[in-house]
C-alpha atoms as a PDB file:
ATOM      1  CA  MET A   1     -64.712 -73.175 233.556  1.00  0.00           C
ATOM      2  CA  THR A   2     -62.528 -76.260 233.281  1.00  0.00           C
ATOM      3  CA  ARG A   3     -60.307 -76.386 236.454  1.00  0.00           C
ATOM      4  CA  ILE A   4     -56.928 -78.110 236.269  1.00  0.00           C
ATOM      5  CA  VAL A   5     -54.738 -79.328 239.041  1.00  0.00           C
ATOM      6  CA  ALA A   6     -51.038 -80.299 238.690  1.00  0.00           C
ATOM      7  CA  LEU A   7     -49.803 -82.361 241.749  1.00  0.00           C
ATOM      8  CA  GLY A   8     -46.222 -81.535 242.308  1.00  0.00           C
ATOM      9  CA  ALA A   9     -44.499 -78.219 242.024  1.00  0.00           C
ATOM     10  CA  GLY A  10     -41.354 -79.597 240.311  1.00  0.00           C
ATOM     11  CA  ARG A  11     -40.369 -79.459 236.661  1.00  0.00           C
ATOM     12  CA  MET A  12     -43.483 -81.290 235.376  1.00  0.00           C
ATOM     13  CA  GLY A  13     -45.948 -79.498 237.570  1.00  0.00           C
ATOM     14  CA  ARG A  14     -44.551 -76.303 236.428  1.00  0.00           C
ATOM     15  CA  GLY A  15     -44.510 -77.356 232.814  1.00  0.00           C
ATOM     16  CA  ILE A  16     -48.301 -78.344 233.134  1.00  0.00           C
ATOM     17  CA  GLY A  17     -49.115 -75.151 234.743  1.00  0.00           C
ATOM     18  CA  HIS A  18     -47.461 -73.148 231.844  1.00  0.00           C
ATOM     19  CA  VAL A  19     -49.089 -75.345 229.190  1.00  0.00           C
ATOM     20  CA  PHE A  20     -52.623 -75.006 230.348  1.00  0.00           C
ATOM     21  CA  ALA A  21     -52.492 -71.232 231.595  1.00  0.00           C
ATOM     22  CA  TYR A  22     -51.005 -70.495 228.198  1.00  0.00           C
ATOM     23  CA  ALA A  23     -54.138 -72.057 226.647  1.00  0.00           C
ATOM     24  CA  GLY A  24     -56.460 -70.001 228.726  1.00  0.00           C
ATOM     25  CA  TYR A  25     -57.250 -72.352 231.616  1.00  0.00           C
ATOM     26  CA  ARG A  26     -56.847 -71.727 235.344  1.00  0.00           C
ATOM     27  CA  VAL A  27     -54.435 -74.032 236.865  1.00  0.00           C
ATOM     28  CA  ASP A  28     -53.447 -74.797 240.553  1.00  0.00           C
ATOM     29  CA  VAL A  29     -50.058 -76.245 240.800  1.00  0.00           C
ATOM     30  CA  VAL A  30     -49.935 -77.867 244.322  1.00  0.00           C
ATOM     31  CA  ASP A  31     -46.809 -78.666 246.160  1.00  0.00           C
ATOM     32  CA  PHE A  32     -47.812 -81.993 247.369  1.00  0.00           C
ATOM     33  CA  LYS A  33     -45.233 -82.485 250.075  1.00  0.00           C
ATOM     34  CA  PRO A  34     -45.372 -81.258 253.652  1.00  0.00           C
ATOM     35  CA  ARG A  35     -42.684 -78.525 254.113  1.00  0.00           C
ATOM     36  CA  GLY A  36     -41.846 -76.009 256.679  1.00  0.00           C
ATOM     37  CA  GLY A  37     -43.221 -72.422 256.219  1.00  0.00           C
ATOM     38  CA  GLY A  38     -40.028 -70.879 254.871  1.00  0.00           C
ATOM     39  CA  GLU A  39     -39.032 -73.835 252.654  1.00  0.00           C
ATOM     40  CA  GLY A  40     -42.566 -74.073 251.087  1.00  0.00           C
ATOM     41  CA  ALA A  41     -42.861 -70.399 250.318  1.00  0.00           C
ATOM     42  CA  LYS A  42     -39.383 -70.432 248.694  1.00  0.00           C
ATOM     43  CA  LEU A  43     -40.150 -73.236 246.479  1.00  0.00           C
ATOM     44  CA  ARG A  44     -43.578 -71.857 245.502  1.00  0.00           C
ATOM     45  CA  ALA A  45     -41.727 -68.577 244.591  1.00  0.00           C
ATOM     46  CA  ALA A  46     -39.231 -70.441 242.524  1.00  0.00           C
ATOM     47  CA  ALA A  47     -41.950 -72.360 240.549  1.00  0.00           C
ATOM     48  CA  LEU A  48     -43.775 -69.010 239.565  1.00  0.00           C
ATOM     49  CA  GLU A  49     -40.320 -67.407 238.712  1.00  0.00           C
ATOM     50  CA  GLU A  50     -39.332 -70.258 236.474  1.00  0.00           C
ATOM     51  CA  ILE A  51     -42.752 -70.307 234.619  1.00  0.00           C
ATOM     52  CA  GLY A  52     -42.345 -66.524 234.380  1.00  0.00           C
ATOM     53  CA  ALA A  53     -38.877 -66.801 232.988  1.00  0.00           C
ATOM     54  CA  ASN A  54     -40.042 -69.330 230.425  1.00  0.00           C
ATOM     55  CA  LEU A  55     -42.744 -67.191 229.292  1.00  0.00           C
ATOM     56  CA  GLY A  56     -40.190 -64.359 229.180  1.00  0.00           C
ATOM     57  CA  LEU A  57     -37.980 -66.317 226.613  1.00  0.00           C
ATOM     58  CA  LEU A  58     -41.176 -66.687 224.476  1.00  0.00           C
ATOM     59  CA  CYS A  59     -41.516 -62.805 224.744  1.00  0.00           C
ATOM     60  CA  ASP A  60     -37.863 -62.525 223.529  1.00  0.00           C
ATOM     61  CA  PHE A  61     -38.657 -64.643 220.477  1.00  0.00           C
ATOM     62  CA  GLY A  62     -41.784 -62.635 219.522  1.00  0.00           C
ATOM     63  CA  VAL A  63     -44.270 -65.292 220.502  1.00  0.00           C
ATOM     64  CA  LEU A  64     -46.242 -63.287 222.835  1.00  0.00           C
ATOM     65  CA  ASP A  65     -45.992 -59.756 224.507  1.00  0.00           C
ATOM     66  CA  GLU A  66     -45.496 -58.664 228.134  1.00  0.00           C
ATOM     67  CA  GLU A  67     -49.284 -58.238 228.593  1.00  0.00           C
ATOM     68  CA  GLN A  68     -50.012 -61.688 227.476  1.00  0.00           C
ATOM     69  CA  ARG A  69     -47.249 -63.025 229.723  1.00  0.00           C
ATOM     70  CA  GLN A  70     -48.825 -61.337 232.794  1.00  0.00           C
ATOM     71  CA  ALA A  71     -52.355 -62.549 231.935  1.00  0.00           C
ATOM     72  CA  ILE A  72     -50.915 -66.263 231.694  1.00  0.00           C
ATOM     73  CA  LEU A  73     -49.169 -65.888 235.120  1.00  0.00           C
ATOM     74  CA  GLY A  74     -52.318 -64.694 236.469  1.00  0.00           C
ATOM     75  CA  ARG A  75     -54.085 -67.844 235.638  1.00  0.00           C
ATOM     76  CA  ILE A  76     -51.624 -69.957 237.710  1.00  0.00           C
ATOM     77  CA  ARG A  77     -51.742 -70.365 241.455  1.00  0.00           C
ATOM     78  CA  VAL A  78     -48.846 -72.240 243.208  1.00  0.00           C
ATOM     79  CA  LEU A  79     -50.507 -73.718 246.359  1.00  0.00           C
ATOM     80  CA  PRO A  80     -49.172 -75.379 249.534  1.00  0.00           C
ATOM     81  CA  LEU A  81     -50.164 -78.759 250.744  1.00  0.00           C
ATOM     82  CA  GLU A  82     -52.706 -77.360 253.103  1.00  0.00           C
ATOM     83  CA  ALA A  83     -54.644 -75.857 250.201  1.00  0.00           C
ATOM     84  CA  ALA A  84     -54.748 -79.288 248.208  1.00  0.00           C
ATOM     85  CA  PRO A  85     -58.191 -80.423 249.530  1.00  0.00           C
ATOM     86  CA  GLU A  86     -60.095 -77.365 248.214  1.00  0.00           C
ATOM     87  CA  ALA A  87     -58.251 -77.303 244.905  1.00  0.00           C
ATOM     88  CA  LEU A  88     -58.711 -81.093 244.354  1.00  0.00           C
ATOM     89  CA  ALA A  89     -62.510 -80.835 245.272  1.00  0.00           C
ATOM     90  CA  GLY A  90     -62.960 -78.309 242.510  1.00  0.00           C
ATOM     91  CA  ALA A  91     -60.823 -80.144 239.812  1.00  0.00           C
ATOM     92  CA  ASP A  92     -62.083 -81.461 236.601  1.00  0.00           C
ATOM     93  CA  PHE A  93     -58.571 -82.888 235.579  1.00  0.00           C
ATOM     94  CA  ILE A  94     -55.902 -83.744 237.930  1.00  0.00           C
ATOM     95  CA  PHE A  95     -52.366 -84.314 236.393  1.00  0.00           C
ATOM     96  CA  GLU A  96     -50.020 -86.103 238.918  1.00  0.00           C
ATOM     97  CA  GLY A  97     -46.186 -85.369 238.508  1.00  0.00           C
ATOM     98  CA  VAL A  98     -44.602 -86.526 241.760  1.00  0.00           C
ATOM     99  CA  THR A  99     -41.479 -88.454 242.259  1.00  0.00           C
ATOM    100  CA  GLU A 100     -41.026 -91.442 239.789  1.00  0.00           C
ATOM    101  CA  THR A 101     -41.521 -94.219 242.346  1.00  0.00           C
ATOM    102  CA  LEU A 102     -44.447 -96.456 242.981  1.00  0.00           C
ATOM    103  CA  GLU A 103     -44.401 -95.547 246.662  1.00  0.00           C
ATOM    104  CA  ALA A 104     -44.700 -91.838 245.886  1.00  0.00           C
ATOM    105  CA  LYS A 105     -47.462 -92.307 243.265  1.00  0.00           C
ATOM    106  CA  ARG A 106     -49.478 -94.501 245.611  1.00  0.00           C
ATOM    107  CA  ASP A 107     -49.182 -91.985 248.404  1.00  0.00           C
ATOM    108  CA  ALA A 108     -50.311 -89.186 245.991  1.00  0.00           C
ATOM    109  CA  PHE A 109     -53.178 -91.007 244.400  1.00  0.00           C
ATOM    110  CA  ALA A 110     -54.609 -91.951 247.802  1.00  0.00           C
ATOM    111  CA  ARG A 111     -54.524 -88.441 249.065  1.00  0.00           C
ATOM    112  CA  ALA A 112     -55.850 -87.139 245.810  1.00  0.00           C
ATOM    113  CA  CYS A 113     -58.689 -89.477 245.673  1.00  0.00           C
ATOM    114  CA  ALA A 114     -59.833 -88.516 249.262  1.00  0.00           C
ATOM    115  CA  HIS A 115     -60.662 -85.164 247.982  1.00  0.00           C
ATOM    116  CA  ALA A 116     -61.319 -85.365 244.184  1.00  0.00           C
ATOM    117  CA  ARG A 117     -64.777 -85.736 242.791  1.00  0.00           C
ATOM    118  CA  PRO A 118     -65.560 -89.232 241.421  1.00  0.00           C
ATOM    119  CA  GLU A 119     -65.935 -87.769 237.842  1.00  0.00           C
ATOM    120  CA  ALA A 120     -62.583 -85.827 238.010  1.00  0.00           C
ATOM    121  CA  VAL A 121     -60.159 -87.296 235.498  1.00  0.00           C
ATOM    122  CA  ILE A 122     -57.050 -88.492 237.128  1.00  0.00           C
ATOM    123  CA  ALA A 123     -53.907 -88.539 234.847  1.00  0.00           C
ATOM    124  CA  SER A 124     -50.315 -89.575 235.621  1.00  0.00           C
ATOM    125  CA  THR A 125     -47.398 -88.144 233.718  1.00  0.00           C
ATOM    126  CA  THR A 126     -45.147 -91.090 234.484  1.00  0.00           C
ATOM    127  CA  SER A 127     -42.471 -91.978 232.022  1.00  0.00           C
ATOM    128  CA  SER A 128     -41.600 -95.445 233.457  1.00  0.00           C
ATOM    129  CA  ILE A 129     -44.701 -97.119 235.282  1.00  0.00           C
ATOM    130  CA  LEU A 130     -47.359 -98.811 233.362  1.00  0.00           C
ATOM    131  CA  ALA A 131     -50.941 -97.426 233.323  1.00  0.00           C
ATOM    132  CA  ASP A 132     -52.517-100.805 234.586  1.00  0.00           C
ATOM    133  CA  GLU A 133     -50.205-100.692 237.624  1.00  0.00           C
ATOM    134  CA  LEU A 134     -51.139 -97.004 238.456  1.00  0.00           C
ATOM    135  CA  ALA A 135     -54.957 -97.482 237.690  1.00  0.00           C
ATOM    136  CA  ALA A 136     -55.110 -99.980 240.583  1.00  0.00           C
ATOM    137  CA  LEU A 137     -54.087 -97.339 242.871  1.00  0.00           C
ATOM    138  CA  VAL A 138     -56.938 -94.913 241.901  1.00  0.00           C
ATOM    139  CA  THR A 139     -60.570 -95.043 243.199  1.00  0.00           C
ATOM    140  CA  HIS A 140     -63.034 -95.437 240.123  1.00  0.00           C
ATOM    141  CA  PRO A 141     -60.144 -96.454 237.815  1.00  0.00           C
ATOM    142  CA  ALA A 142     -62.305 -95.865 234.831  1.00  0.00           C
ATOM    143  CA  ARG A 143     -61.332 -92.174 235.196  1.00  0.00           C
ATOM    144  CA  PHE A 144     -57.659 -92.923 235.131  1.00  0.00           C
ATOM    145  CA  VAL A 145     -55.226 -92.367 232.159  1.00  0.00           C
ATOM    146  CA  ASN A 146     -51.570 -91.803 231.671  1.00  0.00           C
ATOM    147  CA  THR A 147     -50.373 -88.748 229.912  1.00  0.00           C
ATOM    148  CA  HIS A 148     -46.718 -88.760 229.118  1.00  0.00           C
ATOM    149  CA  PHE A 149     -45.446 -85.259 228.184  1.00  0.00           C
ATOM    150  CA  LEU A 150     -41.929 -84.697 226.841  1.00  0.00           C
ATOM    151  CA  ASN A 151     -39.775 -82.141 228.503  1.00  0.00           C
ATOM    152  CA  PRO A 152     -39.733 -79.125 228.155  1.00  0.00           C
ATOM    153  CA  ALA A 153     -43.514 -79.770 228.362  1.00  0.00           C
ATOM    154  CA  TYR A 154     -44.256 -76.174 227.399  1.00  0.00           C
ATOM    155  CA  LEU A 155     -42.312 -76.455 224.092  1.00  0.00           C
ATOM    156  CA  ILE A 156     -42.695 -80.021 222.918  1.00  0.00           C
ATOM    157  CA  PRO A 157     -46.162 -80.609 221.393  1.00  0.00           C
ATOM    158  CA  LEU A 158     -46.293 -84.418 221.782  1.00  0.00           C
ATOM    159  CA  VAL A 159     -48.217 -86.116 224.558  1.00  0.00           C
ATOM    160  CA  GLU A 160     -48.310 -89.926 224.714  1.00  0.00           C
ATOM    161  CA  VAL A 161     -51.786 -91.078 226.052  1.00  0.00           C
ATOM    162  CA  SER A 162     -51.743 -94.616 227.413  1.00  0.00           C
ATOM    163  CA  PRO A 163     -54.841 -95.834 228.815  1.00  0.00           C
ATOM    164  CA  ALA A 164     -55.109 -98.811 231.302  1.00  0.00           C
ATOM    165  CA  GLN A 165     -57.456-101.775 230.638  1.00  0.00           C
ATOM    166  CA  ALA A 166     -59.814-100.218 233.163  1.00  0.00           C
ATOM    167  CA  THR A 167     -59.819 -96.761 231.691  1.00  0.00           C
ATOM    168  CA  ALA A 168     -63.204 -95.760 230.161  1.00  0.00           C
ATOM    169  CA  GLU A 169     -63.088 -94.643 226.482  1.00  0.00           C
ATOM    170  CA  ARG A 170     -64.899 -91.283 227.682  1.00  0.00           C
ATOM    171  CA  THR A 171     -61.828 -90.672 229.853  1.00  0.00           C
ATOM    172  CA  VAL A 172     -59.401 -90.923 226.954  1.00  0.00           C
ATOM    173  CA  GLU A 173     -61.614 -88.782 224.793  1.00  0.00           C
ATOM    174  CA  ALA A 174     -61.970 -86.190 227.355  1.00  0.00           C
ATOM    175  CA  THR A 175     -58.297 -86.049 227.949  1.00  0.00           C
ATOM    176  CA  LYS A 176     -57.507 -85.916 224.241  1.00  0.00           C
ATOM    177  CA  THR A 177     -59.962 -83.077 223.767  1.00  0.00           C
ATOM    178  CA  LEU A 178     -58.331 -81.030 226.626  1.00  0.00           C
ATOM    179  CA  LEU A 179     -54.808 -81.624 225.476  1.00  0.00           C
ATOM    180  CA  GLU A 180     -55.620 -80.728 221.952  1.00  0.00           C
ATOM    181  CA  SER A 181     -57.265 -77.531 223.097  1.00  0.00           C
ATOM    182  CA  ALA A 182     -53.929 -76.705 224.575  1.00  0.00           C
ATOM    183  CA  GLY A 183     -52.135 -77.146 221.252  1.00  0.00           C
ATOM    184  CA  LYS A 184     -50.884 -80.639 222.155  1.00  0.00           C
ATOM    185  CA  VAL A 185     -50.409 -83.369 219.560  1.00  0.00           C
ATOM    186  CA  VAL A 186     -51.781 -86.666 220.990  1.00  0.00           C
ATOM    187  CA  VAL A 187     -50.799 -90.159 220.065  1.00  0.00           C
ATOM    188  CA  ARG A 188     -52.243 -93.176 221.888  1.00  0.00           C
ATOM    189  CA  CYS A 189     -50.200 -96.335 222.806  1.00  0.00           C
ATOM    190  CA  ALA A 190     -50.780 -99.527 224.845  1.00  0.00           C
ATOM    191  CA  PRO A 191     -49.359 -99.735 228.368  1.00  0.00           C
ATOM    192  CA  SER A 192     -45.931-100.940 227.391  1.00  0.00           C
ATOM    193  CA  PRO A 193     -42.536-100.041 228.858  1.00  0.00           C
ATOM    194  CA  GLY A 194     -41.023 -96.810 227.259  1.00  0.00           C
ATOM    195  CA  PHE A 195     -44.249 -95.995 225.299  1.00  0.00           C
ATOM    196  CA  ILE A 196     -43.272 -94.729 221.858  1.00  0.00           C
ATOM    197  CA  VAL A 197     -40.748 -91.880 221.979  1.00  0.00           C
ATOM    198  CA  PRO A 198     -38.555 -93.291 224.981  1.00  0.00           C
ATOM    199  CA  ARG A 199     -38.250 -96.551 223.205  1.00  0.00           C
ATOM    200  CA  LEU A 200     -37.145 -95.086 219.898  1.00  0.00           C
ATOM    201  CA  GLN A 201     -34.799 -92.494 221.472  1.00  0.00           C
ATOM    202  CA  ALA A 202     -33.122 -95.062 223.873  1.00  0.00           C
ATOM    203  CA  ALA A 203     -32.189 -97.286 220.832  1.00  0.00           C
ATOM    204  CA  ALA A 204     -30.875 -94.247 218.912  1.00  0.00           C
ATOM    205  CA  MET A 205     -29.071 -92.735 221.971  1.00  0.00           C
ATOM    206  CA  ASN A 206     -27.521 -96.124 222.866  1.00  0.00           C
ATOM    207  CA  GLU A 207     -26.367 -96.686 219.207  1.00  0.00           C
ATOM    208  CA  ALA A 208     -24.768 -93.151 219.335  1.00  0.00           C
ATOM    209  CA  ALA A 209     -22.915 -93.959 222.432  1.00  0.00           C
ATOM    210  CA  ARG A 210     -21.656 -97.289 220.786  1.00  0.00           C
ATOM    211  CA  LEU A 211     -20.473 -95.302 217.709  1.00  0.00           C
ATOM    212  CA  VAL A 212     -18.203 -93.276 219.867  1.00  0.00           C
ATOM    213  CA  GLU A 213     -17.183 -96.275 221.909  1.00  0.00           C
ATOM    214  CA  GLU A 214     -16.267 -98.088 218.854  1.00  0.00           C
ATOM    215  CA  GLY A 215     -14.262 -95.204 217.360  1.00  0.00           C
ATOM    216  CA  VAL A 216     -16.606 -95.028 214.339  1.00  0.00           C
ATOM    217  CA  ALA A 217     -17.036 -91.318 214.655  1.00  0.00           C
ATOM    218  CA  THR A 218     -16.572 -88.338 217.126  1.00  0.00           C
ATOM    219  CA  PRO A 219     -19.546 -87.121 219.165  1.00  0.00           C
ATOM    220  CA  GLU A 220     -19.254 -83.851 217.300  1.00  0.00           C
ATOM    221  CA  ASP A 221     -19.553 -85.681 213.852  1.00  0.00           C
ATOM    222  CA  ILE A 222     -22.390 -87.834 215.228  1.00  0.00           C
ATOM    223  CA  ASP A 223     -24.356 -84.945 216.405  1.00  0.00           C
ATOM    224  CA  LYS A 224     -23.713 -83.124 213.037  1.00  0.00           C
ATOM    225  CA  ALA A 225     -25.147 -86.138 211.268  1.00  0.00           C
ATOM    226  CA  VAL A 226     -28.226 -86.180 213.537  1.00  0.00           C
ATOM    227  CA  ARG A 227     -28.869 -82.444 213.050  1.00  0.00           C
ATOM    228  CA  SER A 228     -28.405 -82.319 209.327  1.00  0.00           C
ATOM    229  CA  GLY A 229     -29.661 -85.726 208.237  1.00  0.00           C
ATOM    230  CA  PHE A 230     -31.219 -88.201 210.740  1.00  0.00           C
ATOM    231  CA  GLY A 231     -33.359 -85.607 212.706  1.00  0.00           C
ATOM    232  CA  PRO A 232     -34.747 -83.621 209.796  1.00  0.00           C
ATOM    233  CA  ARG A 233     -35.529 -86.692 207.730  1.00  0.00           C
ATOM    234  CA  TYR A 234     -37.771 -88.005 210.542  1.00  0.00           C
ATOM    235  CA  THR A 235     -39.236 -84.540 210.948  1.00  0.00           C
ATOM    236  CA  ALA A 236     -40.411 -84.349 207.396  1.00  0.00           C
ATOM    237  CA  MET A 237     -41.450 -88.117 207.323  1.00  0.00           C
ATOM    238  CA  GLY A 238     -42.511 -90.444 210.124  1.00  0.00           C
ATOM    239  CA  MET A 239     -40.406 -93.531 210.603  1.00  0.00           C
ATOM    240  CA  CYS A 240     -42.995 -95.974 209.456  1.00  0.00           C
ATOM    241  CA  GLU A 241     -43.845 -93.707 206.573  1.00  0.00           C
ATOM    242  CA  PHE A 242     -40.190 -93.614 205.656  1.00  0.00           C
ATOM    243  CA  ILE A 243     -39.980 -97.352 205.639  1.00  0.00           C
ATOM    244  CA  ASP A 244     -42.875 -97.583 203.270  1.00  0.00           C
ATOM    245  CA  TYR A 245     -41.700 -94.982 200.940  1.00  0.00           C
ATOM    246  CA  GLY A 246     -38.090 -96.427 200.579  1.00  0.00           C
ATOM    247  CA  GLY A 247     -39.410-100.056 200.547  1.00  0.00           C
ATOM    248  CA  LEU A 248     -39.480-102.501 203.251  1.00  0.00           C
ATOM    249  CA  ASP A 249     -37.107-104.634 201.262  1.00  0.00           C
ATOM    250  CA  ILE A 250     -34.441-102.165 201.847  1.00  0.00           C
ATOM    251  CA  LEU A 251     -34.796-102.101 205.514  1.00  0.00           C
ATOM    252  CA  TYR A 252     -35.036-105.961 205.440  1.00  0.00           C
ATOM    253  CA  TYR A 253     -31.734-106.662 203.643  1.00  0.00           C
ATOM    254  CA  ALA A 254     -29.826-103.682 205.113  1.00  0.00           C
ATOM    255  CA  ALA A 255     -30.793-104.729 208.630  1.00  0.00           C
ATOM    256  CA  ARG A 256     -29.809-108.401 207.950  1.00  0.00           C
ATOM    257  CA  SER A 257     -26.519-107.251 206.568  1.00  0.00           C
ATOM    258  CA  MET A 258     -25.699-105.093 209.481  1.00  0.00           C
ATOM    259  CA  ALA A 259     -26.627-107.824 212.014  1.00  0.00           C
ATOM    260  CA  ARG A 260     -24.255-110.254 210.512  1.00  0.00           C
ATOM    261  CA  SER A 261     -21.386-107.706 209.741  1.00  0.00           C
ATOM    262  CA  LEU A 262     -21.485-106.168 213.255  1.00  0.00           C
ATOM    263  CA  ASP A 263     -22.323-109.629 214.923  1.00  0.00           C
ATOM    264  CA  ALA A 264     -25.206-107.651 216.538  1.00  0.00           C
ATOM    265  CA  PRO A 265     -28.616-109.438 216.658  1.00  0.00           C
ATOM    266  CA  ARG A 266     -30.323-106.283 217.628  1.00  0.00           C
ATOM    267  CA  TYR A 267     -30.382-105.138 213.900  1.00  0.00           C
ATOM    268  CA  GLU A 268     -32.271-108.283 212.832  1.00  0.00           C
ATOM    269  CA  PRO A 269     -35.626-107.294 211.249  1.00  0.00           C
ATOM    270  CA  PRO A 270     -38.560-107.824 213.499  1.00  0.00           C
ATOM    271  CA  ALA A 271     -41.298-110.400 212.819  1.00  0.00           C
ATOM    272  CA  ILE A 272     -43.624-107.907 211.305  1.00  0.00           C
ATOM    273  CA  VAL A 273     -41.138-106.867 208.666  1.00  0.00           C
ATOM    274  CA  GLU A 274     -40.513-110.628 207.841  1.00  0.00           C
ATOM    275  CA  ARG A 275     -44.349-111.141 207.532  1.00  0.00           C
ATOM    276  CA  LEU A 276     -44.975-108.107 205.328  1.00  0.00           C
ATOM    277  CA  MET A 277     -42.116-109.061 203.086  1.00  0.00           C
ATOM    278  CA  ARG A 278     -43.585-112.611 202.570  1.00  0.00           C
ATOM    279  CA  GLU A 279     -46.976-111.266 201.738  1.00  0.00           C
ATOM    280  CA  GLY A 280     -45.481-108.778 199.117  1.00  0.00           C
ATOM    281  CA  LYS A 281     -46.461-105.689 201.051  1.00  0.00           C
ATOM    282  CA  ARG A 282     -43.212-103.901 200.632  1.00  0.00           C
ATOM    283  CA  GLY A 283     -44.580-100.339 200.877  1.00  0.00           C
ATOM    284  CA  ALA A 284     -45.505 -97.568 198.453  1.00  0.00           C
ATOM    285  CA  ARG A 285     -44.500 -99.279 195.220  1.00  0.00           C
ATOM    286  CA  GLU A 286     -46.660-102.267 195.931  1.00  0.00           C
ATOM    287  CA  GLY A 287     -49.529-100.294 197.306  1.00  0.00           C
ATOM    288  CA  GLU A 288     -49.405-101.645 200.843  1.00  0.00           C
ATOM    289  CA  GLY A 289     -46.895-101.749 203.743  1.00  0.00           C
ATOM    290  CA  PHE A 290     -47.333-100.287 207.153  1.00  0.00           C
ATOM    291  CA  TYR A 291     -49.670 -97.896 205.464  1.00  0.00           C
ATOM    292  CA  ASP A 292     -52.401 -98.538 202.646  1.00  0.00           C
ATOM    293  CA  TRP A 293     -50.992 -96.655 199.588  1.00  0.00           C
ATOM    294  CA  ARG A 294     -53.628 -97.804 197.139  1.00  0.00           C
ATOM    295  CA  GLY A 295     -55.402 -95.040 195.291  1.00  0.00           C
ATOM    296  CA  ARG A 296     -52.813 -92.375 196.451  1.00  0.00           C
ATOM    297  CA  ASP A 297     -51.223 -90.081 193.998  1.00  0.00           C
ATOM    298  CA  LEU A 298     -47.540 -90.873 194.644  1.00  0.00           C
ATOM    299  CA  ALA A 299     -46.363 -88.097 192.351  1.00  0.00           C
ATOM    300  CA  ALA A 300     -48.419 -85.586 194.400  1.00  0.00           C
ATOM    301  CA  TYR A 301     -47.108 -87.160 197.556  1.00  0.00           C
ATOM    302  CA  GLN A 302     -43.492 -86.807 196.452  1.00  0.00           C
ATOM    303  CA  ARG A 303     -44.041 -83.284 195.512  1.00  0.00           C
ATOM    304  CA  GLU A 304     -45.541 -82.527 198.996  1.00  0.00           C
ATOM    305  CA  LEU A 305     -42.562 -84.393 200.583  1.00  0.00           C
ATOM    306  CA  VAL A 306     -40.015 -82.265 198.751  1.00  0.00           C
ATOM    307  CA  GLY A 307     -41.886 -79.141 199.733  1.00  0.00           C
ATOM    308  CA  ARG A 308     -41.606 -80.274 203.548  1.00  0.00           C
ATOM    309  CA  TYR A 309     -37.760 -80.743 203.101  1.00  0.00           C
ATOM    310  CA  VAL A 310     -37.201 -77.408 201.286  1.00  0.00           C
ATOM    311  CA  ALA A 311     -39.155 -75.703 203.956  1.00  0.00           C
ATOM    312  CA  LEU A 312     -37.271 -77.536 206.813  1.00  0.00           C
ATOM    313  CA  PHE A 313     -33.829 -77.182 205.412  1.00  0.00           C
ATOM    314  CA  GLY A 314     -34.394 -73.641 204.456  1.00  0.00           C
ATOM    315  CA  HIS A 315     -35.420 -72.898 208.092  1.00  0.00           C
ATOM    316  CA  LEU A 316     -32.399 -74.795 209.420  1.00  0.00           C
ATOM    317  CA  GLN A 317     -30.202 -72.830 206.938  1.00  0.00           C
ATOM    318  CA  LEU A 318     -29.022 -76.047 205.325  1.00  0.00           C
ATOM    319  CA  LEU A 319     -30.434 -75.408 201.828  1.00  0.00           C
ATOM    320  CA  PRO A 320     -27.599 -74.205 199.677  1.00  0.00           C
ATOM    321  CA  PRO A 321     -28.440 -71.524 197.152  1.00  0.00           C
ATOM    322  CA  PRO A 322     -27.695 -72.116 193.516  1.00  0.00           C
ATOM    323  CA  TRP A 323     -24.527 -70.740 191.781  1.00  0.00           C
ATOM    324  CA  ALA A 324     -25.328 -67.658 189.929  1.00  0.00           C
ATOM    325  CA  ALA A 325     -22.470 -68.414 187.361  1.00  0.00           C
ATOM    326  CA  ASP A 326     -20.523 -71.401 186.101  1.00  0.00           C
ATOM    327  CA  ARG A 327     -17.848 -72.450 188.496  1.00  0.00           C
ATOM    328  CA  LEU A 328     -14.548 -72.186 186.747  1.00  0.00           C
ATOM    329  CA  ASP A 329     -12.155 -73.335 189.365  1.00  0.00           C
ATOM    330  CA  GLY A 330     -10.715 -76.777 189.153  1.00  0.00           C
ATOM    331  CA  PRO A 331      -9.595 -79.384 191.667  1.00  0.00           C
ATOM    332  CA  GLU A 332      -6.174 -77.875 192.090  1.00  0.00           C
ATOM    333  CA  SER A 333      -7.716 -74.842 193.666  1.00  0.00           C
ATOM    334  CA  TRP A 334      -9.475 -76.894 196.169  1.00  0.00           C
ATOM    335  CA  GLY A 335      -6.293 -77.493 198.263  1.00  0.00           C
ATOM    336  CA  GLY A 336      -4.986 -80.570 196.943  1.00  0.00           C
ATOM    337  CA  ASN A 337      -3.443 -82.262 193.873  1.00  0.00           C
ATOM    338  CA  PHE A 338      -6.041 -84.868 192.405  1.00  0.00           C
ATOM    339  CA  ARG A 339      -3.908 -85.982 189.443  1.00  0.00           C
ATOM    340  CA  GLU A 340      -3.621 -89.825 189.438  1.00  0.00           C
ATOM    341  CA  ASP A 341       0.146 -89.614 188.852  1.00  0.00           C
ATOM    342  CA  ALA A 342       0.684 -87.235 191.748  1.00  0.00           C
END
């Protein structure tokens, strides 16, 4: 049986324990810090309690029953530092989730590599340190890969996998296979600051804060706009897909206009959009953009897209029902006088 070890009994270690135990694997969550007996026992109990509580929430929502919850908890051991050598020696996959500093990572990898088998995959869950930097801290760096889970890890399907230059392709494939077997959606990205989602969300969150700062809208209205428009739109369609479907020219001209009107160079279209515009690859209408649309049935694609929106907005209770009869009330009954001479 594949054995998984999570280094660190904090939020990420607990999330990884939950994810893989839920998928049927046995997981050792190792508290990788030296602690006094009472302190360590308290933390380990809290870790199991938190995982159990999260599983309990899933029971409340009908995702699983109490028997399944207990079976999942039975596949998780939360171990003290003293038990780490034995756990690491038997591990096939080791997920590091210690404090987000290079010093803490260096220490954790040195101690893990002292006990792990040479063929064990070693993965970091860092959200800020590049894979190439971390691979240099691992013996046999071909077995290292970064796996960026999004919190809460047990709920968010996405994992961003970022191999280092030294990472062997077999390491990437083995890790991808394991993650997908646990129900995760895996995307691959180069070792670049922010990966994919943190870069996108940092831009969006900063812009939301600027909207408040500039008095453009209240936080409440901004969040309402995100929940009923921005968010669902990019759930039904990916961002690059949306650019192609609407047309790169719309993005190009709108971005340039905003950059000038707001005196904000951050809105200027990037070089790749400029290049695609010059090459006439403006999206679905021209057959090429970020995607190759040639040969695709666009009418069928649009029908599928509308179906996604209907299902999504219906689930969010944002799809209005049709009126059963003609609406006979006029503007005067809506609370205001709309006559031009009023």
